[in-house]
Amino acid sequence: MAVFMWLAALLSVTLIGAYFKIFYRKRRPGEPTIADGHFLWGNGEEFNTHAVEFLHKCKKTLGNIFTIRLLNQHLTIVMDPHAYESFHKQKEFDFDPIQKQVNMNVFSFELKDSQKLIKGASKMVRGNYMANSVQNFVNNVHLATEENLICNKDEWSQDGLRLFCAKTMFDSLYQTLFGRAEVNTLKMYHDFEVYHKYFNFLWLGLPRKMFPQACKALEGLVQQPTPDELIKRDDISEYMRTAIKMLQDLDQTDSEIIGHNLVYLHVNYNTFRVGFWVLEYILQHPEAYGAIMEEIDDMVYAKSSNNNSTEEDVSITTHELERLPVLESIVQETFRLSSGVFMVRYVNGDTWYTLSDGSKHLIRDGDRVAIYPPALHKDPEVFENPNEFKYDRFIDAKFHDKNGAEIKHPIIGFGSLCPGKRYALIQLKWFVLYMLNRFEFEHLEGEKAELDFQYHGHEIIPPKKDVQISIINMCLLLKRRIVPIQGISNSNSNTLLVPHTWHQQYITCPTYMASAIHYLSPYMASAIHYWSYIQGISNTSLVPIHGISNTTLTYCFKRAITNT
């Protein structure tokens, strides 16, 4: 009995000692205030429940800088909306250890010379290389649309919007990255969906074996061609080809190279996630749908050679694609609402960090320091009605803090250090333009996606569930032919080709509108829409004719006001 009591006492002392060594923290002079939390897992539960609300609550009581604890890791949060530039310039704030932590804990590999790889491979997502990659992506979007969709017929069909995006955008991103091959990209997508649910737990260092579903999903994800097989493909992305060759020169193993391949696929997976939310928010908000279609139509109409042809393809440049204000605003607003990523850095040495108000705070050596963009994106002092989607929020807009000082970086999307950020945004915008130019989408009644806030900390927050939509290929309905998109025709002009489709026919050919709805003249259509407009009705109660929905008719009537 005495021995048992002695062992119990020894165990208690050991556990108490371990607790103080691993979890307990005594605040030093000058350090930020430590947020109260659970004695074991710290603030993890509150953060997991709703990170933004938790951090806003901390800001009210603790100020613009404070420290939270996630398990055994202390994280100093900077809530100063003007801190973005100084955060990046602080030389003691190092991203490399964070990158190594994610690579090892999530994807099971370690790079032998990450800086050399980043510097060398990053050139492959710029200039002529980017032009060729966008060309490849554009072609793959067209092929994926032709091969994978049941909606390529002249009648309405139903699908999940997220599944639709997986069959088109994720497939195109995968094929652009690794080259076209016989591969089940939907299985890769589903495996990523499962594995990514555990991302936060894995990068913090919890053993993967604690999550059997994650282990099973990873087994599927690593079933890739060998590096030697990949680089033999003619259409593999130059980034992947260069990265694989550099890793082989560094004597990295095949399994390590496959792990790195998954990192880049993970980046592209986030682009797919944004694509889903852009389309979803457009569908949720008819005013956004109308505005973006009007912008696309105006662009194509203005660039057609005789301003009346429905037969020619119209070329636009990537710069023009990037300068569509409604599309840009919708993308930025989507990032604002759906972004969930931490910008985390490792602290190399005790560091005095200065906020925009001049106050200095000591950040401890070995800690992590972070900006959490979603907390800024949802700040009511910066954004009016921050939880609402406003498609035109970022059109010619400036944003200020509560004291009136302008905020230079109101939106901080994922990939702030990513050399391929512009490339990813071009892919995203082209995908949205292509889909809206080719198909009409509608939610089924009662369907609406909601952000799943338990996944704050992910780059892009997923929806709680997929949403069901109706889709129709308007090009087939109107016997229109969409030619294979040529993409970027050469590296100098960065030209994209956009085919005329059904939307332009409504604008440039009023007589076609009349025949499509049998008996309504364009003038009567204009009158009906004008009546619905002054009554504040966003969708007239007309019976769909020839498969054309009420939304489409209302849209046509709106355009007819200015074109008839």
Protein backbone atom coordinates (compact mmCIF):
# COMPACT_ATOMS: atom_id res chain seq x y z
CA MET A 1 0.00 0.00 0.00
CA ALA A 2 2.81 2.38 0.90
CA VAL A 3 4.54 1.59 -2.39
CA PHE A 4 1.32 2.30 -4.27
CA MET A 5 0.89 5.64 -2.50
CA TRP A 6 4.49 6.52 -3.23
CA LEU A 7 4.07 5.71 -6.94
CA ALA A 8 0.83 7.70 -7.09
CA ALA A 9 2.53 10.70 -5.51
CA LEU A 10 5.46 10.38 -7.92
CA LEU A 11 3.07 10.19 -10.88
CA SER A 12 1.19 13.26 -9.65
CA VAL A 13 4.39 15.24 -9.26
CA THR A 14 5.52 14.13 -12.73
CA LEU A 15 2.21 15.14 -14.31
CA ILE A 16 2.21 18.50 -12.55
CA GLY A 17 5.79 19.09 -13.66
CA ALA A 18 4.92 18.11 -17.23
CA TYR A 19 1.94 20.45 -17.19
CA PHE A 20 4.00 23.42 -16.06
CA LYS A 21 6.73 22.59 -18.58
CA ILE A 22 4.43 22.01 -21.56
CA PHE A 23 1.33 24.14 -20.97
CA TYR A 24 1.88 26.72 -18.24
CA ARG A 25 3.09 30.18 -19.15
CA LYS A 26 4.13 33.08 -16.94
CA ARG A 27 3.86 36.42 -18.64
CA ARG A 28 7.06 38.46 -18.78
CA PRO A 29 7.20 42.27 -18.57
CA GLY A 30 6.33 43.81 -21.94
CA GLU A 31 4.68 40.67 -23.31
CA PRO A 32 1.08 40.75 -24.58
CA THR A 33 -1.70 39.66 -22.25
CA ILE A 34 -2.46 35.93 -22.25
CA ALA A 35 -6.11 35.04 -22.92
CA ASP A 36 -7.78 32.86 -20.31
CA GLY A 37 -8.36 29.29 -21.45
CA HIS A 38 -8.76 25.65 -20.49
CA PHE A 39 -5.90 24.32 -18.35
CA LEU A 40 -5.11 21.59 -20.92
CA TRP A 41 -6.11 22.60 -24.45
CA GLY A 42 -6.04 26.34 -23.88
CA ASN A 43 -8.26 28.30 -26.27
CA GLY A 44 -8.63 25.51 -28.81
CA GLU A 45 -12.32 24.82 -28.17
CA GLU A 46 -13.34 28.49 -28.40
CA PHE A 47 -11.27 28.97 -31.55
CA ASN A 48 -12.70 25.83 -33.13
CA THR A 49 -16.29 26.87 -32.35
CA HIS A 50 -16.04 30.29 -34.02
CA ALA A 51 -12.58 31.79 -34.34
CA VAL A 52 -13.65 35.27 -35.47
CA GLU A 53 -16.12 35.80 -32.64
CA PHE A 54 -13.55 34.55 -30.12
CA LEU A 55 -10.81 36.87 -31.41
CA HIS A 56 -13.15 39.87 -31.57
CA LYS A 57 -14.09 39.21 -27.94
CA CYS A 58 -10.40 39.07 -27.00
CA LYS A 59 -9.70 42.30 -28.87
CA LYS A 60 -12.40 44.15 -26.90
CA THR A 61 -10.87 43.17 -23.57
CA LEU A 62 -7.16 42.71 -24.39
CA GLY A 63 -6.47 45.18 -27.20
CA ASN A 64 -4.81 44.85 -30.61
CA ILE A 65 -2.27 42.23 -29.53
CA PHE A 66 -2.61 39.24 -27.18
CA THR A 67 -1.49 35.63 -26.82
CA ILE A 68 -3.67 32.52 -27.06
CA ARG A 69 -2.75 28.86 -26.56
CA LEU A 70 -3.68 26.01 -28.88
CA LEU A 71 -2.72 22.81 -27.05
CA ASN A 72 0.96 23.35 -26.18
CA GLN A 73 1.64 26.11 -28.72
CA HIS A 74 1.42 29.76 -27.75
CA LEU A 75 0.30 32.05 -30.55
CA THR A 76 0.49 35.83 -30.35
CA ILE A 77 -2.34 37.37 -32.38
CA VAL A 78 -1.89 40.81 -33.99
CA MET A 79 -5.30 42.46 -34.55
CA ASP A 80 -3.98 45.85 -35.69
CA PRO A 81 -5.55 46.43 -39.17
CA HIS A 82 -2.45 48.43 -40.23
CA ALA A 83 0.09 45.77 -39.25
CA TYR A 84 0.32 43.80 -42.51
CA GLU A 85 3.42 45.47 -43.96
CA SER A 86 5.39 45.71 -40.71
CA PHE A 87 4.52 42.09 -39.95
CA HIS A 88 6.10 40.97 -43.22
CA LYS A 89 9.14 43.22 -42.81
CA GLN A 90 9.97 42.08 -39.27
CA LYS A 91 13.09 39.99 -39.93
CA GLU A 92 12.68 37.90 -36.78
CA PHE A 93 9.29 36.64 -38.02
CA ASP A 94 10.28 33.60 -40.07
CA PHE A 95 7.96 31.57 -42.31
CA ASP A 96 10.43 28.77 -43.07
CA PRO A 97 9.96 26.85 -39.77
CA ILE A 98 6.17 27.02 -40.22
CA GLN A 99 6.53 25.67 -43.74
CA LYS A 100 8.70 22.83 -42.45
CA GLN A 101 6.18 22.07 -39.71
CA VAL A 102 3.31 21.82 -42.22
CA ASN A 103 5.36 19.79 -44.69
CA MET A 104 6.38 17.23 -42.08
CA ASN A 105 3.21 17.03 -39.97
CA VAL A 106 0.71 17.11 -42.82
CA PHE A 107 2.52 15.72 -45.86
CA SER A 108 5.35 13.68 -44.28
CA PHE A 109 8.40 15.14 -46.00
CA GLU A 110 11.19 17.62 -45.40
CA LEU A 111 12.85 19.71 -48.09
CA LYS A 112 16.62 19.76 -48.05
CA ASP A 113 16.85 23.24 -49.57
CA SER A 114 13.45 24.91 -49.59
CA GLN A 115 14.74 28.38 -50.50
CA LYS A 116 16.53 27.09 -53.60
CA LEU A 117 13.42 25.21 -54.68
CA ILE A 118 11.12 28.19 -54.16
CA LYS A 119 13.46 30.55 -55.99
CA GLY A 120 13.97 28.21 -58.94
CA ALA A 121 10.48 26.82 -59.39
CA SER A 122 8.75 30.17 -58.80
CA LYS A 123 9.98 31.40 -62.18
CA MET A 124 7.75 28.77 -63.77
CA VAL A 125 4.52 30.56 -62.78
CA ARG A 126 5.49 33.89 -64.32
CA GLY A 127 5.95 35.40 -67.76
CA ASN A 128 5.86 33.02 -70.73
CA TYR A 129 5.57 30.01 -68.43
CA MET A 130 2.43 31.44 -66.87
CA ALA A 131 1.01 32.18 -70.32
CA ASN A 132 1.51 28.57 -71.39
CA SER A 133 0.04 27.24 -68.15
CA VAL A 134 -3.06 29.41 -68.48
CA GLN A 135 -3.41 28.19 -72.08
CA ASN A 136 -3.30 24.62 -70.80
CA PHE A 137 -5.78 25.33 -68.01
CA VAL A 138 -8.25 26.99 -70.38
CA ASN A 139 -8.14 23.99 -72.71
CA ASN A 140 -8.57 21.61 -69.79
CA VAL A 141 -11.62 23.52 -68.54
CA HIS A 142 -13.23 23.06 -71.94
CA LEU A 143 -12.33 19.36 -72.06
CA ALA A 144 -13.55 18.76 -68.51
CA THR A 145 -16.82 20.49 -69.34
CA GLU A 146 -17.32 18.35 -72.43
CA GLU A 147 -16.34 15.05 -70.82
CA ASN A 148 -17.68 15.19 -67.28
CA LEU A 149 -21.03 16.95 -67.33
CA ILE A 150 -24.52 15.55 -67.81
CA CYS A 151 -25.77 19.05 -68.56
CA ASN A 152 -24.35 19.07 -72.08
CA LYS A 153 -27.83 18.72 -73.56
CA ASP A 154 -30.62 21.16 -74.32
CA GLU A 155 -32.61 20.62 -71.14
CA TRP A 156 -32.27 21.40 -67.46
CA SER A 157 -30.31 18.96 -65.32
CA GLN A 158 -29.45 18.87 -61.64
CA ASP A 159 -26.15 18.56 -59.80
CA GLY A 160 -24.45 19.61 -56.62
CA LEU A 161 -22.64 22.92 -57.17
CA ARG A 162 -19.54 21.75 -55.31
CA LEU A 163 -19.57 18.49 -57.25
CA PHE A 164 -20.04 20.45 -60.47
CA CYS A 165 -16.97 22.52 -59.61
CA ALA A 166 -15.03 19.37 -58.74
CA LYS A 167 -15.86 17.82 -62.12
CA THR A 168 -14.82 20.96 -63.96
CA MET A 169 -12.45 23.18 -62.00
CA PHE A 170 -10.68 20.66 -59.75
CA ASP A 171 -10.30 18.26 -62.68
CA SER A 172 -8.85 21.05 -64.84
CA LEU A 173 -6.45 22.17 -62.12
CA TYR A 174 -5.27 18.59 -61.56
CA GLN A 175 -4.78 17.89 -65.28
CA THR A 176 -2.98 21.21 -65.76
CA LEU A 177 -0.65 20.43 -62.88
CA PHE A 178 0.24 16.81 -63.63
CA GLY A 179 -0.65 16.49 -67.31
CA ARG A 180 -3.60 14.69 -68.83
CA ALA A 181 -3.85 11.03 -67.95
CA GLU A 182 -6.39 8.35 -67.12
CA VAL A 183 -6.97 9.22 -63.50
CA ASN A 184 -10.03 9.40 -61.28
CA THR A 185 -9.83 13.05 -60.30
CA LEU A 186 -13.13 12.81 -58.43
CA LYS A 187 -11.56 10.24 -56.09
CA MET A 188 -8.60 12.57 -55.57
CA TYR A 189 -11.06 15.35 -54.79
CA HIS A 190 -13.00 13.23 -52.28
CA ASP A 191 -9.75 12.09 -50.61
CA PHE A 192 -8.65 15.72 -50.29
CA GLU A 193 -12.04 16.66 -48.84
CA VAL A 194 -11.63 14.03 -46.12
CA TYR A 195 -7.95 14.65 -45.42
CA HIS A 196 -8.32 18.42 -45.24
CA LYS A 197 -10.85 18.15 -42.41
CA TYR A 198 -7.97 17.20 -40.11
CA PHE A 199 -5.53 19.84 -41.38
CA ASN A 200 -5.57 21.97 -38.22
CA PHE A 201 -4.97 19.01 -35.94
CA LEU A 202 -2.15 17.63 -38.10
CA TRP A 203 -0.15 20.81 -38.53
CA LEU A 204 -0.30 21.42 -34.79
CA GLY A 205 1.44 18.07 -34.37
CA LEU A 206 -1.24 15.59 -33.29
CA PRO A 207 -0.35 12.07 -34.49
CA ARG A 208 -2.02 11.14 -37.77
CA LYS A 209 -2.89 7.72 -36.33
CA MET A 210 -5.43 9.44 -34.10
CA PHE A 211 -7.51 10.03 -37.25
CA PRO A 212 -8.13 6.76 -39.16
CA GLN A 213 -10.13 8.50 -41.91
CA ALA A 214 -7.22 10.86 -42.56
CA CYS A 215 -4.83 7.91 -42.84
CA LYS A 216 -7.11 6.17 -45.33
CA ALA A 217 -7.50 9.33 -47.42
CA LEU A 218 -3.73 9.89 -47.49
CA GLU A 219 -3.22 6.34 -48.75
CA GLY A 220 -5.31 7.29 -51.77
CA LEU A 221 -3.62 10.65 -52.31
CA VAL A 222 -0.11 9.19 -52.49
CA GLN A 223 -1.12 6.76 -55.23
CA GLN A 224 0.56 8.87 -57.89
CA PRO A 225 2.83 8.15 -60.84
CA THR A 226 6.51 8.10 -59.96
CA PRO A 227 8.45 11.35 -60.44
CA ASP A 228 10.25 9.85 -63.45
CA GLU A 229 6.92 8.98 -65.05
CA LEU A 230 5.53 12.45 -64.45
CA ILE A 231 8.38 14.42 -66.02
CA LYS A 232 8.08 12.35 -69.21
CA ARG A 233 4.64 13.80 -69.85
CA ASP A 234 4.59 16.51 -72.50
CA ASP A 235 1.86 18.56 -70.87
CA ILE A 236 2.95 18.50 -67.22
CA SER A 237 3.22 22.02 -65.81
CA GLU A 238 6.66 23.56 -66.02
CA TYR A 239 6.50 24.28 -62.30
CA MET A 240 6.09 20.58 -61.50
CA ARG A 241 8.71 19.50 -64.03
CA THR A 242 11.24 21.99 -62.66
CA ALA A 243 10.43 21.20 -59.03
CA ILE A 244 10.71 17.44 -59.54
CA LYS A 245 14.06 17.75 -61.30
CA MET A 246 15.42 20.06 -58.60
CA LEU A 247 14.25 17.69 -55.86
CA GLN A 248 15.86 14.76 -57.64
CA ASP A 249 19.11 16.73 -57.89
CA LEU A 250 18.89 17.25 -54.11
CA ASP A 251 18.56 13.45 -53.68
CA GLN A 252 15.06 13.65 -52.26
CA THR A 253 13.29 10.27 -52.30
CA ASP A 254 10.30 9.49 -54.49
CA SER A 255 8.01 9.50 -51.46
CA GLU A 256 9.30 12.95 -50.45
CA ILE A 257 8.72 14.26 -53.98
CA ILE A 258 5.18 12.86 -53.93
CA GLY A 259 4.66 14.67 -50.62
CA HIS A 260 5.76 17.91 -52.25
CA ASN A 261 3.44 17.25 -55.19
CA LEU A 262 0.57 17.06 -52.69
CA VAL A 263 1.50 20.47 -51.30
CA TYR A 264 1.09 22.05 -54.72
CA LEU A 265 -2.11 20.11 -55.36
CA HIS A 266 -3.29 21.41 -51.99
CA VAL A 267 -2.68 24.99 -53.18
CA ASN A 268 -4.74 24.30 -56.30
CA TYR A 269 -7.44 22.68 -54.18
CA ASN A 270 -7.84 26.02 -52.43
CA THR A 271 -8.33 27.74 -55.79
CA PHE A 272 -11.13 25.26 -56.48
CA ARG A 273 -12.67 26.07 -53.10
CA VAL A 274 -12.76 29.78 -53.91
CA GLY A 275 -14.29 28.99 -57.31
CA PHE A 276 -17.17 27.22 -55.60
CA TRP A 277 -17.88 30.16 -53.30
CA VAL A 278 -17.71 32.73 -56.12
CA LEU A 279 -20.39 30.87 -58.08
CA GLU A 280 -22.43 30.21 -54.94
CA TYR A 281 -22.51 33.86 -53.90
CA ILE A 282 -23.43 34.90 -57.44
CA LEU A 283 -26.34 32.44 -57.38
CA GLN A 284 -27.44 33.60 -53.93
CA HIS A 285 -27.64 37.22 -55.07
CA PRO A 286 -29.56 37.98 -58.30
CA GLU A 287 -28.22 41.52 -58.35
CA ALA A 288 -24.68 40.11 -58.47
CA TYR A 289 -25.66 37.64 -61.20
CA GLY A 290 -27.14 40.43 -63.30
CA ALA A 291 -24.18 42.76 -62.76
CA ILE A 292 -21.51 40.23 -63.68
CA MET A 293 -23.43 39.08 -66.78
CA GLU A 294 -23.87 42.69 -67.85
CA GLU A 295 -20.12 43.24 -67.46
CA ILE A 296 -19.27 40.14 -69.49
CA ASP A 297 -21.79 41.03 -72.19
CA ASP A 298 -20.60 44.62 -72.43
CA MET A 299 -17.00 43.48 -72.77
CA VAL A 300 -17.75 40.95 -75.52
CA TYR A 301 -20.18 43.26 -77.31
CA ALA A 302 -17.72 46.16 -77.32
CA LYS A 303 -14.90 44.01 -78.69
CA SER A 304 -16.82 42.29 -81.48
CA SER A 305 -15.77 43.61 -84.87
CA ASN A 306 -19.15 44.98 -85.96
CA ASN A 307 -20.86 45.19 -82.55
CA ASN A 308 -23.63 42.95 -83.84
CA SER A 309 -22.14 39.58 -84.73
CA THR A 310 -23.08 36.42 -82.90
CA GLU A 311 -20.74 34.25 -84.95
CA GLU A 312 -17.26 35.45 -84.11
CA ASP A 313 -14.98 34.71 -81.18
CA VAL A 314 -13.79 37.75 -79.27
CA SER A 315 -10.29 37.99 -77.84
CA ILE A 316 -9.46 39.56 -74.51
CA THR A 317 -6.13 39.84 -72.77
CA THR A 318 -5.31 38.60 -69.30
CA HIS A 319 -4.89 42.24 -68.30
CA GLU A 320 -8.45 42.95 -69.44
CA LEU A 321 -9.65 39.93 -67.51
CA GLU A 322 -7.96 41.33 -64.42
CA ARG A 323 -9.57 44.72 -64.95
CA LEU A 324 -13.23 43.74 -64.87
CA PRO A 325 -14.36 45.72 -61.80
CA VAL A 326 -17.49 43.69 -60.96
CA LEU A 327 -15.68 40.36 -61.29
CA GLU A 328 -12.75 41.68 -59.24
CA SER A 329 -15.09 42.97 -56.54
CA ILE A 330 -16.99 39.67 -56.37
CA VAL A 331 -13.72 37.75 -56.03
CA GLN A 332 -12.47 40.08 -53.28
CA GLU A 333 -15.80 39.91 -51.44
CA THR A 334 -15.71 36.12 -51.69
CA PHE A 335 -12.21 36.06 -50.19
CA ARG A 336 -13.41 38.38 -47.44
CA LEU A 337 -16.24 36.06 -46.42
CA SER A 338 -14.71 32.62 -47.02
CA SER A 339 -11.05 33.05 -46.10
CA GLY A 340 -10.05 31.26 -42.92
CA VAL A 341 -6.26 31.15 -43.13
CA PHE A 342 -3.73 32.06 -40.46
CA MET A 343 -0.65 34.05 -41.47
CA VAL A 344 1.75 32.44 -39.00
CA ARG A 345 5.46 33.11 -38.45
CA TYR A 346 8.04 31.58 -36.12
CA VAL A 347 9.80 34.05 -33.81
CA ASN A 348 13.60 33.87 -34.03
CA GLY A 349 14.75 35.54 -30.82
CA ASP A 350 12.98 37.81 -28.34
CA THR A 351 11.54 40.62 -30.47
CA TRP A 352 10.09 44.02 -29.70
CA TYR A 353 7.28 44.54 -32.18
CA THR A 354 5.73 47.98 -32.76
CA LEU A 355 2.05 48.45 -33.58
CA SER A 356 0.71 51.31 -35.70
CA ASP A 357 -0.16 53.31 -32.57
CA GLY A 358 3.52 53.25 -31.52
CA SER A 359 3.12 50.78 -28.65
CA LYS A 360 5.87 48.15 -28.35
CA HIS A 361 5.34 44.55 -27.29
CA LEU A 362 7.79 41.75 -26.53
CA ILE A 363 7.26 38.58 -28.58
CA ARG A 364 9.01 35.59 -27.03
CA ASP A 365 11.69 33.56 -28.80
CA GLY A 366 10.32 30.26 -30.13
CA ASP A 367 6.71 31.41 -30.12
CA ARG A 368 4.46 31.77 -33.13
CA VAL A 369 3.04 35.15 -34.09
CA ALA A 370 0.10 35.53 -36.42
CA ILE A 371 -2.28 37.82 -38.22
CA TYR A 372 -5.71 36.28 -38.66
CA PRO A 373 -7.21 37.95 -41.76
CA PRO A 374 -10.81 36.74 -41.22
CA ALA A 375 -10.95 38.73 -37.98
CA LEU A 376 -10.14 41.89 -39.98
CA HIS A 377 -12.43 40.87 -42.84
CA LYS A 378 -15.40 40.64 -40.45
CA ASP A 379 -14.54 43.75 -38.40
CA PRO A 380 -17.67 45.96 -38.23
CA GLU A 381 -15.43 48.99 -37.64
CA VAL A 382 -13.96 48.45 -41.12
CA PHE A 383 -16.76 46.83 -43.13
CA GLU A 384 -20.40 47.82 -42.93
CA ASN A 385 -22.60 44.77 -42.29
CA PRO A 386 -19.52 42.52 -42.38
CA ASN A 387 -21.42 39.22 -42.54
CA GLU A 388 -23.38 40.21 -45.64
CA PHE A 389 -22.28 39.65 -49.24
CA LYS A 390 -22.18 42.86 -51.27
CA TYR A 391 -21.00 42.24 -54.81
CA ASP A 392 -19.95 45.87 -55.40
CA ARG A 393 -18.28 46.45 -52.03
CA PHE A 394 -14.80 46.75 -53.58
CA ILE A 395 -15.63 48.82 -56.66
CA ASP A 396 -13.65 52.07 -56.30
CA ALA A 397 -13.81 51.69 -52.52
CA LYS A 398 -11.47 52.63 -49.71
CA PHE A 399 -11.67 51.38 -46.15
CA HIS A 400 -10.77 53.06 -42.87
CA ASP A 401 -10.38 52.15 -39.23
CA LYS A 402 -12.52 53.62 -36.46
CA ASN A 403 -10.23 56.67 -36.29
CA GLY A 404 -10.51 57.41 -40.00
CA ALA A 405 -7.07 56.14 -41.06
CA GLU A 406 -7.10 54.37 -44.42
CA ILE A 407 -6.33 50.64 -44.38
CA LYS A 408 -3.92 49.74 -47.19
CA HIS A 409 -4.63 46.01 -47.15
CA PRO A 410 -8.29 45.47 -46.26
CA ILE A 411 -8.29 42.00 -47.84
CA ILE A 412 -5.56 39.47 -47.17
CA GLY A 413 -6.30 36.34 -49.18
CA PHE A 414 -4.57 33.00 -48.89
CA GLY A 415 -1.12 32.74 -50.41
CA SER A 416 0.21 36.15 -49.38
CA LEU A 417 3.76 34.87 -50.04
CA CYS A 418 2.78 32.61 -52.95
CA PRO A 419 4.68 33.44 -56.18
CA GLY A 420 1.80 31.98 -58.19
CA LYS A 421 -0.91 34.16 -56.67
CA ARG A 422 -1.57 36.12 -59.87
CA TYR A 423 -1.64 32.91 -61.88
CA ALA A 424 -4.20 31.39 -59.51
CA LEU A 425 -6.42 34.48 -59.70
CA ILE A 426 -6.34 34.42 -63.50
CA GLN A 427 -7.38 30.75 -63.42
CA LEU A 428 -10.19 31.56 -61.00
CA LYS A 429 -11.52 34.50 -63.00
CA TRP A 430 -11.34 32.63 -66.28
CA PHE A 431 -13.25 29.69 -64.82
CA VAL A 432 -16.03 31.97 -63.55
CA LEU A 433 -16.22 33.87 -66.85
CA TYR A 434 -16.30 30.64 -68.88
CA MET A 435 -19.02 29.01 -66.80
CA LEU A 436 -21.28 32.06 -66.70
CA ASN A 437 -20.77 32.58 -70.43
CA ARG A 438 -21.76 29.00 -71.24
CA PHE A 439 -24.33 27.86 -68.67
CA GLU A 440 -27.26 29.19 -66.74
CA PHE A 441 -27.39 28.18 -63.09
CA GLU A 442 -30.19 28.27 -60.55
CA HIS A 443 -30.51 27.04 -56.98
CA LEU A 444 -33.17 24.47 -56.32
CA GLU A 445 -35.80 25.86 -53.99
CA GLY A 446 -34.55 26.28 -50.43
CA GLU A 447 -30.92 25.51 -51.30
CA LYS A 448 -28.21 27.80 -49.92
CA ALA A 449 -24.63 27.02 -48.86
CA GLU A 450 -23.43 28.07 -45.42
CA LEU A 451 -19.86 28.45 -44.18
CA ASP A 452 -18.79 25.75 -41.73
CA PHE A 453 -17.08 27.87 -39.09
CA GLN A 454 -15.54 24.91 -37.28
CA TYR A 455 -12.92 24.93 -40.05
CA HIS A 456 -11.54 28.38 -39.30
CA GLY A 457 -7.81 28.02 -39.77
CA HIS A 458 -8.22 26.44 -43.20
CA GLU A 459 -7.21 28.61 -46.15
CA ILE A 460 -10.79 28.61 -47.46
CA ILE A 461 -13.68 27.61 -45.21
CA PRO A 462 -15.78 24.78 -46.70
CA PRO A 463 -19.59 24.73 -46.79
CA LYS A 464 -21.57 22.68 -44.30
CA LYS A 465 -22.90 20.68 -47.25
CA ASP A 466 -23.18 20.81 -51.00
CA VAL A 467 -26.12 22.65 -52.56
CA GLN A 468 -28.29 21.37 -55.39
CA ILE A 469 -28.59 23.45 -58.54
CA SER A 470 -30.26 23.32 -61.93
CA ILE A 471 -28.01 23.82 -64.96
CA ILE A 472 -28.67 24.27 -68.64
CA ASN A 473 -26.22 24.64 -71.50
CA MET A 474 -27.61 27.70 -73.23
CA CYS A 475 -25.28 27.26 -76.21
CA LEU A 476 -26.89 23.93 -77.07
CA LEU A 477 -30.39 25.24 -76.37
CA LEU A 478 -29.93 27.98 -78.93
CA LYS A 479 -27.95 25.73 -81.31
CA ARG A 480 -24.82 27.73 -80.65
CA ARG A 481 -21.39 26.20 -80.96
CA ILE A 482 -18.64 26.92 -78.45
CA VAL A 483 -15.32 26.24 -80.08
CA PRO A 484 -12.42 24.91 -78.00
CA ILE A 485 -11.04 27.91 -76.19
CA GLN A 486 -7.63 28.90 -77.47
CA GLY A 487 -6.55 30.54 -74.23
CA ILE A 488 -3.41 32.62 -74.32
CA SER A 489 -2.46 32.71 -77.98
CA ASN A 490 1.03 34.01 -77.45
CA SER A 491 3.21 35.16 -74.61
CA ASN A 492 3.33 38.77 -75.72
CA SER A 493 -0.36 39.59 -76.04
CA ASN A 494 -1.63 37.21 -73.34
CA THR A 495 -4.82 36.91 -75.37
CA LEU A 496 -7.83 34.84 -74.34
CA LEU A 497 -10.64 34.02 -76.75
CA VAL A 498 -14.22 34.34 -75.55
CA PRO A 499 -16.93 32.88 -77.81
CA HIS A 500 -20.18 34.71 -78.36
CA THR A 501 -22.94 32.77 -76.63
CA TRP A 502 -26.60 33.07 -75.74
CA HIS A 503 -26.26 36.19 -73.63
CA GLN A 504 -24.90 38.21 -76.55
CA GLN A 505 -27.72 37.00 -78.80
CA TYR A 506 -30.29 38.52 -76.49
CA ILE A 507 -28.49 41.86 -76.56
CA THR A 508 -27.56 42.11 -80.23
CA CYS A 509 -30.65 40.50 -81.71
CA PRO A 510 -33.91 41.81 -80.20
CA THR A 511 -35.94 39.93 -82.81
CA TYR A 512 -34.57 36.65 -81.47
CA MET A 513 -35.86 37.55 -78.03
CA ALA A 514 -39.28 38.08 -79.55
CA SER A 515 -39.30 34.69 -81.25
CA ALA A 516 -37.93 32.92 -78.18
CA ILE A 517 -40.86 34.00 -76.03
CA HIS A 518 -43.32 33.69 -78.93
CA TYR A 519 -45.47 36.74 -78.60
CA LEU A 520 -43.71 39.34 -76.45
CA SER A 521 -42.00 42.05 -78.43
CA PRO A 522 -38.76 43.51 -77.06
CA TYR A 523 -40.70 46.67 -76.17
CA MET A 524 -43.31 44.74 -74.21
CA ALA A 525 -40.55 42.78 -72.54
CA SER A 526 -38.92 46.04 -71.56
CA ALA A 527 -42.19 47.33 -70.17
CA ILE A 528 -42.78 44.18 -68.11
CA HIS A 529 -39.31 44.32 -66.67
CA TYR A 530 -39.58 48.03 -65.96
CA TRP A 531 -42.82 47.38 -64.06
CA SER A 532 -41.16 44.62 -62.02
CA TYR A 533 -38.21 46.92 -61.42
CA ILE A 534 -40.24 49.79 -59.97
CA GLN A 535 -42.22 47.31 -57.90
CA GLY A 536 -38.96 46.04 -56.42
CA ILE A 537 -39.49 42.54 -57.83
CA SER A 538 -36.22 40.84 -58.70
CA ASN A 539 -37.81 38.02 -60.70
CA THR A 540 -40.96 38.31 -62.80
CA SER A 541 -43.57 35.59 -62.60
CA LEU A 542 -43.41 34.57 -66.25
CA VAL A 543 -43.75 30.93 -67.21
CA PRO A 544 -40.44 29.56 -68.57
CA ILE A 545 -40.62 29.10 -72.34
CA HIS A 546 -38.33 26.77 -74.30
CA GLY A 547 -36.38 26.02 -71.12
CA ILE A 548 -35.50 29.65 -70.48
CA SER A 549 -35.97 30.52 -66.83
CA ASN A 550 -37.62 33.50 -65.21
CA THR A 551 -34.19 34.77 -64.14
CA THR A 552 -33.01 34.73 -67.75
CA LEU A 553 -36.10 36.55 -69.01
CA THR A 554 -35.84 39.19 -66.31
CA TYR A 555 -32.20 39.68 -67.19
CA CYS A 556 -33.09 40.05 -70.89
CA PHE A 557 -35.79 42.60 -70.11
CA LYS A 558 -33.31 44.65 -68.14
CA ARG A 559 -30.89 44.72 -71.07
CA ALA A 560 -33.71 45.45 -73.49
CA ILE A 561 -34.43 48.74 -71.71
CA THR A 562 -31.11 50.13 -72.92
CA ASN A 563 -30.95 48.27 -76.27
CA THR A 564 -34.43 48.69 -77.80
